[in-house]
Amino acid sequence: MSSQLRNFQQARRESGLTSKTVADAAGVSIGEEYTFEIGGVVNKAIKEKVVQAFARLTGHPYTLGNFEHEYIEEQETVALRKLSPAPLLPPGAKTDGRKHLH
């Protein structure tokens, strides 16, 4: 099995492990494991726990870098924008305290 894989779900399926087995070993809920597995938004601590547990279970030296994709970071940004009541400003942007940007 290659150490550079397309996604975590593919790697887990190829290993023969179940989502529940990985979730239990990681100490996270099966929902959190599966959300990470399909590329959903979960916090980095959960991602790290899942990957570390998967590495222990398979005996392969996996890291989050083997499974982290740009689209995951983009999804997190989109989710943050949906949750934020105010627009997200680029670094260094200034406002006058009102809702309108300059």
Protein backbone atom coordinates (compact mmCIF):
# COMPACT_ATOMS: atom_id res chain seq x y z
CA MET A 1 0.00 0.00 0.00
CA SER A 2 1.37 3.42 -0.93
CA SER A 3 2.05 6.00 1.78
CA GLN A 4 0.58 8.71 -0.50
CA LEU A 5 -3.12 7.96 -0.89
CA ARG A 6 -6.01 9.79 -2.47
CA ASN A 7 -8.08 9.89 0.71
CA PHE A 8 -8.45 8.38 4.13
CA GLN A 9 -11.55 6.35 3.28
CA GLN A 10 -9.69 4.58 0.49
CA ALA A 11 -6.79 3.78 2.81
CA ARG A 12 -9.07 2.51 5.57
CA ARG A 13 -11.01 0.27 3.19
CA GLU A 14 -7.79 -1.14 1.69
CA SER A 15 -6.54 -1.93 5.20
CA GLY A 16 -9.63 -4.01 6.01
CA LEU A 17 -10.33 -1.96 9.16
CA THR A 18 -13.82 -0.69 9.92
CA SER A 19 -14.65 2.92 10.71
CA LYS A 20 -15.74 1.80 14.17
CA THR A 21 -12.41 0.07 14.83
CA VAL A 22 -10.49 3.21 13.89
CA ALA A 23 -12.85 5.48 15.84
CA ASP A 24 -12.58 3.31 18.96
CA ALA A 25 -8.78 3.23 18.73
CA ALA A 26 -8.71 7.01 18.27
CA GLY A 27 -11.07 7.69 21.15
CA VAL A 28 -13.49 9.63 18.94
CA SER A 29 -17.08 8.99 17.92
CA ILE A 30 -17.77 7.00 14.79
CA GLY A 31 -19.49 10.12 13.42
CA GLU A 32 -16.34 12.20 13.88
CA GLU A 33 -14.20 9.48 12.28
CA TYR A 34 -16.58 9.11 9.34
CA THR A 35 -16.88 12.87 8.83
CA PHE A 36 -13.09 13.07 8.52
CA GLU A 37 -13.10 9.97 6.31
CA ILE A 38 -15.40 11.55 3.74
CA GLY A 39 -13.61 14.89 3.77
CA GLY A 40 -16.04 16.73 6.02
CA VAL A 41 -15.19 19.45 8.49
CA VAL A 42 -13.70 18.24 11.78
CA ASN A 43 -11.16 19.98 13.97
CA LYS A 44 -7.48 19.24 13.58
CA ALA A 45 -7.20 17.45 16.93
CA ILE A 46 -9.75 14.85 15.81
CA LYS A 47 -8.01 14.46 12.44
CA GLU A 48 -4.71 13.85 14.22
CA LYS A 49 -6.23 11.31 16.62
CA VAL A 50 -7.83 9.36 13.77
CA VAL A 51 -4.67 9.28 11.66
CA GLN A 52 -2.46 8.36 14.63
CA ALA A 53 -4.81 5.50 15.55
CA PHE A 54 -4.88 4.33 11.93
CA ALA A 55 -1.09 4.37 11.84
CA ARG A 56 -0.90 2.29 15.05
CA LEU A 57 -3.48 -0.20 13.78
CA THR A 58 -1.86 -0.67 10.37
CA GLY A 59 1.77 -0.39 11.43
CA HIS A 60 2.39 2.22 8.71
CA PRO A 61 3.95 5.62 9.54
CA TYR A 62 0.97 7.70 8.38
CA THR A 63 0.63 11.37 9.26
CA LEU A 64 -2.13 13.85 8.59
CA GLY A 65 -0.08 15.04 5.62
CA ASN A 66 -0.80 11.74 3.86
CA PHE A 67 -4.52 12.51 3.84
CA GLU A 68 -4.91 16.28 4.14
CA HIS A 69 -6.15 17.84 0.91
CA GLU A 70 -6.65 21.46 -0.06
CA TYR A 71 -10.38 20.89 -0.52
CA ILE A 72 -10.73 20.07 3.18
CA GLU A 73 -9.24 23.44 4.12
CA GLU A 74 -11.54 25.14 1.61
CA GLN A 75 -14.57 23.40 3.16
CA GLU A 76 -13.51 24.62 6.62
CA THR A 77 -13.29 28.19 5.30
CA VAL A 78 -16.73 27.94 3.71
CA ALA A 79 -18.17 26.55 6.96
CA LEU A 80 -16.60 29.39 8.97
CA ARG A 81 -18.06 31.96 6.58
CA LYS A 82 -21.52 30.45 7.06
CA LEU A 83 -21.16 30.59 10.85
CA SER A 84 -19.71 34.08 11.03
CA PRO A 85 -22.26 36.91 11.47
CA ALA A 86 -19.74 39.36 10.01
CA PRO A 87 -17.66 39.07 6.86
CA LEU A 88 -14.25 37.52 7.26
CA LEU A 89 -11.67 40.18 6.60
CA PRO A 90 -8.29 39.66 5.02
CA PRO A 91 -5.27 40.28 7.29
CA GLY A 92 -4.66 44.00 7.78
CA ALA A 93 -8.14 45.06 6.63
CA LYS A 94 -9.66 47.92 8.59
CA THR A 95 -13.23 48.86 9.33
CA ASP A 96 -14.77 51.94 10.87
CA GLY A 97 -16.74 49.91 13.42
CA ARG A 98 -19.82 49.73 11.23
CA LYS A 99 -20.90 46.80 9.09
CA HIS A 100 -19.57 48.32 5.88
CA LEU A 101 -16.02 47.72 4.74
CA HIS A 102 -13.72 50.44 3.43
